[in-house]
N, C-alpha and C. Protein backbone atom coordinates (compact mmCIF):
# COMPACT_ATOMS: atom_id res chain seq x y z
N UNK A 1 -21.27 12.22 -7.35
CA UNK A 1 -20.70 11.47 -6.25
C UNK A 1 -19.64 10.49 -6.73
N UNK A 2 -19.92 9.77 -7.81
CA UNK A 2 -18.95 8.79 -8.33
C UNK A 2 -17.66 9.48 -8.76
N UNK A 3 -17.77 10.66 -9.33
CA UNK A 3 -16.58 11.41 -9.73
C UNK A 3 -15.72 11.80 -8.54
N UNK A 4 -16.37 12.14 -7.44
CA UNK A 4 -15.63 12.49 -6.22
C UNK A 4 -14.90 11.27 -5.66
N UNK A 5 -15.58 10.14 -5.63
CA UNK A 5 -14.96 8.91 -5.13
C UNK A 5 -13.76 8.54 -6.00
N UNK A 6 -13.92 8.63 -7.31
CA UNK A 6 -12.80 8.31 -8.21
C UNK A 6 -11.64 9.27 -7.98
N UNK A 7 -11.91 10.53 -7.79
CA UNK A 7 -10.86 11.51 -7.52
C UNK A 7 -10.10 11.16 -6.25
N UNK A 8 -10.83 10.79 -5.22
CA UNK A 8 -10.19 10.40 -3.94
C UNK A 8 -9.31 9.18 -4.14
N UNK A 9 -9.81 8.15 -4.80
CA UNK A 9 -9.04 6.91 -4.99
C UNK A 9 -7.81 7.14 -5.87
N UNK A 10 -7.96 7.92 -6.94
CA UNK A 10 -6.81 8.23 -7.78
C UNK A 10 -5.78 9.05 -7.00
N UNK A 11 -6.23 10.01 -6.21
CA UNK A 11 -5.32 10.82 -5.41
C UNK A 11 -4.56 9.97 -4.39
N UNK A 12 -5.25 9.03 -3.77
CA UNK A 12 -4.57 8.12 -2.83
C UNK A 12 -3.50 7.30 -3.55
N UNK A 13 -3.84 6.76 -4.71
CA UNK A 13 -2.87 5.95 -5.46
C UNK A 13 -1.65 6.78 -5.85
N UNK A 14 -1.88 8.00 -6.28
CA UNK A 14 -0.76 8.87 -6.67
C UNK A 14 0.07 9.28 -5.45
N UNK A 15 -0.57 9.51 -4.33
CA UNK A 15 0.17 9.83 -3.11
C UNK A 15 0.97 8.61 -2.63
N UNK A 16 0.41 7.41 -2.75
CA UNK A 16 1.16 6.20 -2.43
C UNK A 16 2.43 6.14 -3.28
N UNK A 17 2.29 6.46 -4.56
CA UNK A 17 3.47 6.46 -5.44
C UNK A 17 4.52 7.44 -4.93
N UNK A 18 4.09 8.63 -4.57
CA UNK A 18 5.02 9.65 -4.08
C UNK A 18 5.73 9.16 -2.81
N UNK A 19 4.98 8.58 -1.88
CA UNK A 19 5.56 8.09 -0.63
C UNK A 19 6.53 6.94 -0.89
N UNK A 20 6.13 6.01 -1.73
CA UNK A 20 7.00 4.87 -2.05
C UNK A 20 8.31 5.37 -2.67
N UNK A 21 8.23 6.34 -3.55
CA UNK A 21 9.44 6.89 -4.16
C UNK A 21 10.34 7.55 -3.11
N UNK A 22 9.75 8.24 -2.13
CA UNK A 22 10.58 8.85 -1.06
C UNK A 22 11.25 7.76 -0.23
N UNK A 23 10.51 6.70 0.10
CA UNK A 23 11.08 5.60 0.88
C UNK A 23 12.22 4.94 0.11
N UNK A 24 12.03 4.75 -1.18
CA UNK A 24 13.07 4.14 -2.00
C UNK A 24 14.32 5.01 -2.06
N UNK A 25 14.15 6.32 -2.09
CA UNK A 25 15.30 7.21 -2.07
C UNK A 25 16.12 7.02 -0.79
N UNK A 26 15.44 6.91 0.33
CA UNK A 26 16.11 6.74 1.62
C UNK A 26 16.78 5.37 1.70
N UNK A 27 16.09 4.33 1.27
CA UNK A 27 16.62 2.97 1.36
C UNK A 27 17.65 2.66 0.28
N UNK A 28 17.57 3.38 -0.82
CA UNK A 28 18.49 3.12 -1.92
C UNK A 28 18.16 1.88 -2.73
N UNK A 29 16.93 1.41 -2.65
CA UNK A 29 16.51 0.25 -3.44
C UNK A 29 15.03 0.34 -3.75
N UNK A 30 14.63 -0.37 -4.80
CA UNK A 30 13.25 -0.34 -5.26
C UNK A 30 12.39 -1.32 -4.45
N UNK A 31 11.20 -0.86 -4.10
CA UNK A 31 10.23 -1.73 -3.42
C UNK A 31 9.51 -2.54 -4.49
N UNK A 32 9.49 -3.83 -4.33
CA UNK A 32 8.86 -4.68 -5.32
C UNK A 32 7.37 -4.85 -5.10
N UNK A 33 6.94 -4.76 -3.85
CA UNK A 33 5.54 -5.04 -3.49
C UNK A 33 5.05 -3.96 -2.54
N UNK A 34 3.80 -3.58 -2.70
CA UNK A 34 3.13 -2.68 -1.76
C UNK A 34 2.04 -3.48 -1.08
N UNK A 35 2.01 -3.44 0.24
CA UNK A 35 0.97 -4.12 1.01
C UNK A 35 -0.06 -3.09 1.45
N UNK A 36 -1.30 -3.34 1.12
CA UNK A 36 -2.41 -2.53 1.62
C UNK A 36 -3.17 -3.41 2.59
N UNK A 37 -3.25 -2.98 3.84
CA UNK A 37 -3.91 -3.77 4.87
C UNK A 37 -5.05 -2.97 5.48
N UNK A 38 -5.83 -3.62 6.32
CA UNK A 38 -6.96 -2.95 6.95
C UNK A 38 -8.10 -2.78 5.96
N UNK A 39 -8.98 -1.86 6.25
CA UNK A 39 -10.18 -1.67 5.45
C UNK A 39 -9.92 -1.32 4.00
N UNK A 40 -8.85 -0.58 3.74
CA UNK A 40 -8.53 -0.22 2.36
C UNK A 40 -8.24 -1.41 1.48
N UNK A 41 -7.84 -2.52 2.09
CA UNK A 41 -7.54 -3.71 1.30
C UNK A 41 -8.79 -4.32 0.67
N UNK A 42 -9.95 -3.96 1.15
CA UNK A 42 -11.22 -4.45 0.58
C UNK A 42 -11.62 -3.71 -0.68
N UNK A 43 -11.01 -2.57 -0.92
CA UNK A 43 -11.39 -1.75 -2.06
C UNK A 43 -10.54 -2.15 -3.27
N UNK A 44 -11.12 -2.99 -4.13
CA UNK A 44 -10.39 -3.50 -5.29
C UNK A 44 -9.97 -2.38 -6.24
N UNK A 45 -10.79 -1.36 -6.35
CA UNK A 45 -10.44 -0.25 -7.24
C UNK A 45 -9.20 0.46 -6.71
N UNK A 46 -9.14 0.71 -5.42
CA UNK A 46 -7.96 1.35 -4.84
C UNK A 46 -6.72 0.49 -5.08
N UNK A 47 -6.85 -0.81 -4.89
CA UNK A 47 -5.70 -1.71 -5.11
C UNK A 47 -5.26 -1.68 -6.57
N UNK A 48 -6.21 -1.72 -7.50
CA UNK A 48 -5.90 -1.66 -8.93
C UNK A 48 -5.22 -0.34 -9.28
N UNK A 49 -5.80 0.77 -8.83
CA UNK A 49 -5.21 2.08 -9.11
C UNK A 49 -3.79 2.17 -8.55
N UNK A 50 -3.58 1.65 -7.34
CA UNK A 50 -2.27 1.71 -6.70
C UNK A 50 -1.25 0.89 -7.49
N UNK A 51 -1.62 -0.30 -7.90
CA UNK A 51 -0.71 -1.13 -8.71
C UNK A 51 -0.34 -0.41 -10.00
N UNK A 52 -1.34 0.14 -10.68
CA UNK A 52 -1.08 0.81 -11.95
C UNK A 52 -0.30 2.10 -11.78
N UNK A 53 -0.63 2.88 -10.77
CA UNK A 53 0.04 4.17 -10.55
C UNK A 53 1.49 4.00 -10.12
N UNK A 54 1.77 2.94 -9.37
CA UNK A 54 3.13 2.74 -8.85
C UNK A 54 3.97 1.80 -9.71
N UNK A 55 3.33 1.00 -10.54
CA UNK A 55 4.06 0.01 -11.32
C UNK A 55 4.57 -1.14 -10.48
N UNK A 56 3.93 -1.39 -9.35
CA UNK A 56 4.34 -2.45 -8.44
C UNK A 56 3.15 -3.35 -8.12
N UNK A 57 3.47 -4.59 -7.77
CA UNK A 57 2.43 -5.51 -7.32
C UNK A 57 1.86 -4.99 -6.01
N UNK A 58 0.55 -5.11 -5.86
CA UNK A 58 -0.12 -4.77 -4.60
C UNK A 58 -0.67 -6.05 -4.00
N UNK A 59 -0.36 -6.28 -2.73
CA UNK A 59 -0.93 -7.39 -1.99
C UNK A 59 -1.92 -6.80 -1.00
N UNK A 60 -3.17 -7.17 -1.13
CA UNK A 60 -4.25 -6.62 -0.30
C UNK A 60 -4.62 -7.59 0.80
N UNK A 61 -4.61 -7.11 2.03
CA UNK A 61 -5.01 -7.90 3.18
C UNK A 61 -3.84 -8.18 4.08
N UNK A 62 -4.11 -8.57 5.28
CA UNK A 62 -5.43 -8.88 5.82
C UNK A 62 -6.18 -7.64 6.28
N UNK A 63 -7.49 -7.75 6.26
CA UNK A 63 -8.34 -6.67 6.76
C UNK A 63 -8.10 -6.48 8.26
N UNK A 64 -7.82 -7.59 8.95
CA UNK A 64 -7.64 -7.58 10.40
C UNK A 64 -6.18 -7.34 10.80
N UNK A 65 -5.44 -6.56 10.04
CA UNK A 65 -4.00 -6.40 10.26
C UNK A 65 -3.66 -5.84 11.65
N UNK A 66 -4.39 -4.86 12.12
CA UNK A 66 -4.07 -4.27 13.42
C UNK A 66 -4.25 -5.29 14.54
N UNK A 67 -5.35 -6.01 14.52
CA UNK A 67 -5.59 -7.02 15.55
C UNK A 67 -4.57 -8.15 15.46
N UNK A 68 -4.26 -8.58 14.23
CA UNK A 68 -3.29 -9.66 14.05
C UNK A 68 -1.91 -9.22 14.54
N UNK A 69 -1.53 -8.00 14.24
CA UNK A 69 -0.25 -7.49 14.72
C UNK A 69 -0.18 -7.44 16.23
N UNK A 70 -1.27 -7.04 16.86
CA UNK A 70 -1.34 -7.00 18.32
C UNK A 70 -1.15 -8.40 18.90
N UNK A 71 -1.83 -9.37 18.32
CA UNK A 71 -1.72 -10.75 18.80
C UNK A 71 -0.28 -11.26 18.64
N UNK A 72 0.34 -10.97 17.50
CA UNK A 72 1.72 -11.42 17.26
C UNK A 72 2.67 -10.81 18.28
N UNK A 73 2.54 -9.53 18.55
CA UNK A 73 3.42 -8.87 19.53
C UNK A 73 3.23 -9.47 20.92
N UNK A 74 1.99 -9.71 21.29
CA UNK A 74 1.75 -10.33 22.60
C UNK A 74 2.30 -11.75 22.65
N UNK A 75 2.16 -12.51 21.56
CA UNK A 75 2.70 -13.87 21.51
C UNK A 75 4.23 -13.85 21.59
N UNK A 76 4.84 -12.85 20.97
CA UNK A 76 6.30 -12.71 21.08
C UNK A 76 6.70 -12.41 22.51
N UNK A 77 5.96 -11.52 23.17
CA UNK A 77 6.29 -11.15 24.55
C UNK A 77 6.17 -12.34 25.49
N UNK A 78 5.25 -13.24 25.19
CA UNK A 78 5.05 -14.43 26.02
C UNK A 78 5.95 -15.60 25.61
N UNK A 79 6.71 -15.41 24.53
CA UNK A 79 7.62 -16.47 24.09
C UNK A 79 6.98 -17.52 23.21
N UNK A 80 5.74 -17.32 22.78
CA UNK A 80 5.06 -18.28 21.91
C UNK A 80 5.48 -18.13 20.45
N UNK A 81 5.96 -16.95 20.09
CA UNK A 81 6.47 -16.67 18.75
C UNK A 81 7.89 -16.15 18.94
N UNK A 82 8.84 -16.77 18.24
CA UNK A 82 10.26 -16.49 18.50
C UNK A 82 10.77 -15.19 17.88
N UNK A 83 10.16 -14.76 16.77
CA UNK A 83 10.71 -13.59 16.08
C UNK A 83 9.62 -12.88 15.28
N UNK A 84 9.93 -11.69 14.83
CA UNK A 84 9.00 -10.96 13.99
C UNK A 84 8.77 -11.72 12.67
N UNK A 85 9.84 -12.30 12.12
CA UNK A 85 9.70 -13.07 10.89
C UNK A 85 8.73 -14.24 11.07
N UNK A 86 8.85 -14.93 12.20
CA UNK A 86 7.93 -16.04 12.48
C UNK A 86 6.50 -15.52 12.63
N UNK A 87 6.34 -14.38 13.27
CA UNK A 87 5.01 -13.78 13.43
C UNK A 87 4.41 -13.39 12.09
N UNK A 88 5.22 -12.81 11.21
CA UNK A 88 4.72 -12.45 9.88
C UNK A 88 4.31 -13.69 9.11
N UNK A 89 5.10 -14.75 9.20
CA UNK A 89 4.75 -15.99 8.51
C UNK A 89 3.43 -16.56 9.04
N UNK A 90 3.24 -16.47 10.34
CA UNK A 90 1.99 -16.93 10.96
C UNK A 90 0.80 -16.15 10.42
N UNK A 91 0.94 -14.83 10.32
CA UNK A 91 -0.14 -14.00 9.80
C UNK A 91 -0.41 -14.35 8.34
N UNK A 92 0.65 -14.54 7.53
CA UNK A 92 0.46 -14.91 6.12
C UNK A 92 -0.32 -16.22 5.97
N UNK A 93 -0.05 -17.17 6.84
CA UNK A 93 -0.75 -18.46 6.77
C UNK A 93 -2.19 -18.38 7.30
N UNK A 94 -2.47 -17.38 8.10
CA UNK A 94 -3.75 -17.31 8.80
C UNK A 94 -4.82 -16.48 8.09
N UNK A 95 -4.41 -15.61 7.17
CA UNK A 95 -5.36 -14.70 6.54
C UNK A 95 -5.21 -14.73 5.03
N UNK A 96 -6.34 -14.57 4.37
CA UNK A 96 -6.35 -14.53 2.91
C UNK A 96 -5.89 -13.16 2.43
N UNK A 97 -5.09 -13.17 1.37
CA UNK A 97 -4.68 -11.94 0.71
C UNK A 97 -4.98 -12.07 -0.78
N UNK A 98 -4.96 -10.96 -1.48
CA UNK A 98 -5.18 -10.96 -2.92
C UNK A 98 -4.11 -10.09 -3.57
N UNK A 99 -3.51 -10.59 -4.64
CA UNK A 99 -2.48 -9.83 -5.34
C UNK A 99 -3.07 -9.16 -6.56
N UNK A 100 -2.54 -7.99 -6.85
CA UNK A 100 -2.96 -7.22 -8.01
C UNK A 100 -1.70 -6.78 -8.76
N UNK A 101 -1.54 -7.25 -9.99
CA UNK A 101 -0.37 -6.91 -10.79
C UNK A 101 -0.62 -5.61 -11.56
N UNK A 102 0.42 -4.80 -11.72
CA UNK A 102 0.23 -3.54 -12.46
C UNK A 102 0.05 -3.79 -13.95
N UNK A 103 -0.71 -2.93 -14.58
CA UNK A 103 -0.82 -2.94 -16.03
C UNK A 103 -0.15 -1.68 -16.55
N UNK A 104 -0.31 -1.36 -17.80
CA UNK A 104 0.35 -0.22 -18.42
C UNK A 104 0.04 1.06 -17.64
N UNK A 105 1.09 1.74 -17.18
CA UNK A 105 0.90 2.92 -16.35
C UNK A 105 1.14 4.23 -17.05
N UNK A 106 1.13 4.24 -18.37
CA UNK A 106 1.41 5.47 -19.11
C UNK A 106 0.47 6.60 -18.73
N UNK A 107 -0.81 6.32 -18.66
CA UNK A 107 -1.77 7.37 -18.28
C UNK A 107 -1.52 7.82 -16.84
N UNK A 108 -1.09 6.89 -15.98
CA UNK A 108 -0.79 7.25 -14.59
C UNK A 108 0.45 8.13 -14.52
N UNK A 109 1.42 7.91 -15.40
CA UNK A 109 2.61 8.78 -15.42
C UNK A 109 2.20 10.21 -15.75
N UNK A 110 1.29 10.37 -16.68
CA UNK A 110 0.79 11.71 -17.03
C UNK A 110 0.05 12.34 -15.86
N UNK A 111 -0.79 11.55 -15.19
CA UNK A 111 -1.53 12.06 -14.03
C UNK A 111 -0.57 12.44 -12.91
N UNK A 112 0.48 11.63 -12.73
CA UNK A 112 1.47 11.90 -11.67
C UNK A 112 2.20 13.21 -11.95
N UNK A 113 2.51 13.47 -13.19
CA UNK A 113 3.17 14.73 -13.56
C UNK A 113 2.28 15.93 -13.22
N UNK A 114 0.98 15.78 -13.37
CA UNK A 114 0.06 16.86 -13.01
C UNK A 114 -0.14 16.94 -11.50
N UNK A 115 -0.03 15.80 -10.81
CA UNK A 115 -0.25 15.70 -9.37
C UNK A 115 0.89 16.32 -8.56
N UNK A 116 2.13 16.11 -9.00
CA UNK A 116 3.30 16.56 -8.24
C UNK A 116 3.27 18.04 -7.88
N UNK A 117 2.99 18.94 -8.81
CA UNK A 117 2.97 20.35 -8.43
C UNK A 117 1.89 20.69 -7.37
N UNK A 118 0.83 19.90 -7.35
CA UNK A 118 -0.24 20.15 -6.38
C UNK A 118 0.19 19.82 -4.96
N UNK A 119 1.05 18.81 -4.79
CA UNK A 119 1.45 18.41 -3.44
C UNK A 119 2.78 19.01 -3.02
N UNK A 120 3.46 19.68 -3.93
CA UNK A 120 4.76 20.26 -3.58
C UNK A 120 4.76 21.78 -3.65
N UNK A 121 3.61 22.38 -3.93
CA UNK A 121 3.56 23.84 -4.02
C UNK A 121 3.60 24.44 -2.62
N UNK A 122 4.10 25.66 -2.48
CA UNK A 122 4.18 26.32 -1.15
C UNK A 122 2.80 26.46 -0.48
N UNK A 123 1.74 26.57 -1.28
CA UNK A 123 0.41 26.72 -0.70
C UNK A 123 -0.04 25.47 0.05
N UNK A 124 0.48 24.30 -0.32
CA UNK A 124 0.05 23.05 0.32
C UNK A 124 1.01 22.58 1.39
N UNK A 125 2.10 23.28 1.57
CA UNK A 125 3.10 22.84 2.56
C UNK A 125 2.67 23.17 3.97
């Protein structure tokens, strides 16, 4: 069972890397931080794996991101919050987050090289 859980978490971290790289290609710039919100932000192992696999800082939280976003949008509609930036600042002040810095990702680079053919092969498309 533990091996299956580790496989799932490593696969998620490697897929996050793949997605972040695609987003960076479109935007033409490197993402410095990855935010993991909702229930996944409670999983410290997932956050650690993601930081290491991507080589980027991971900010985990808030767990209540969907509800907080809903409240911010409603507050904006009612004129209580002036902008999305103000709403984001309000959420940052209201909820605890935890940062995870990447460590040496050499082993993750090797795993990513093995992972890429699995997600880009015609059988998985």
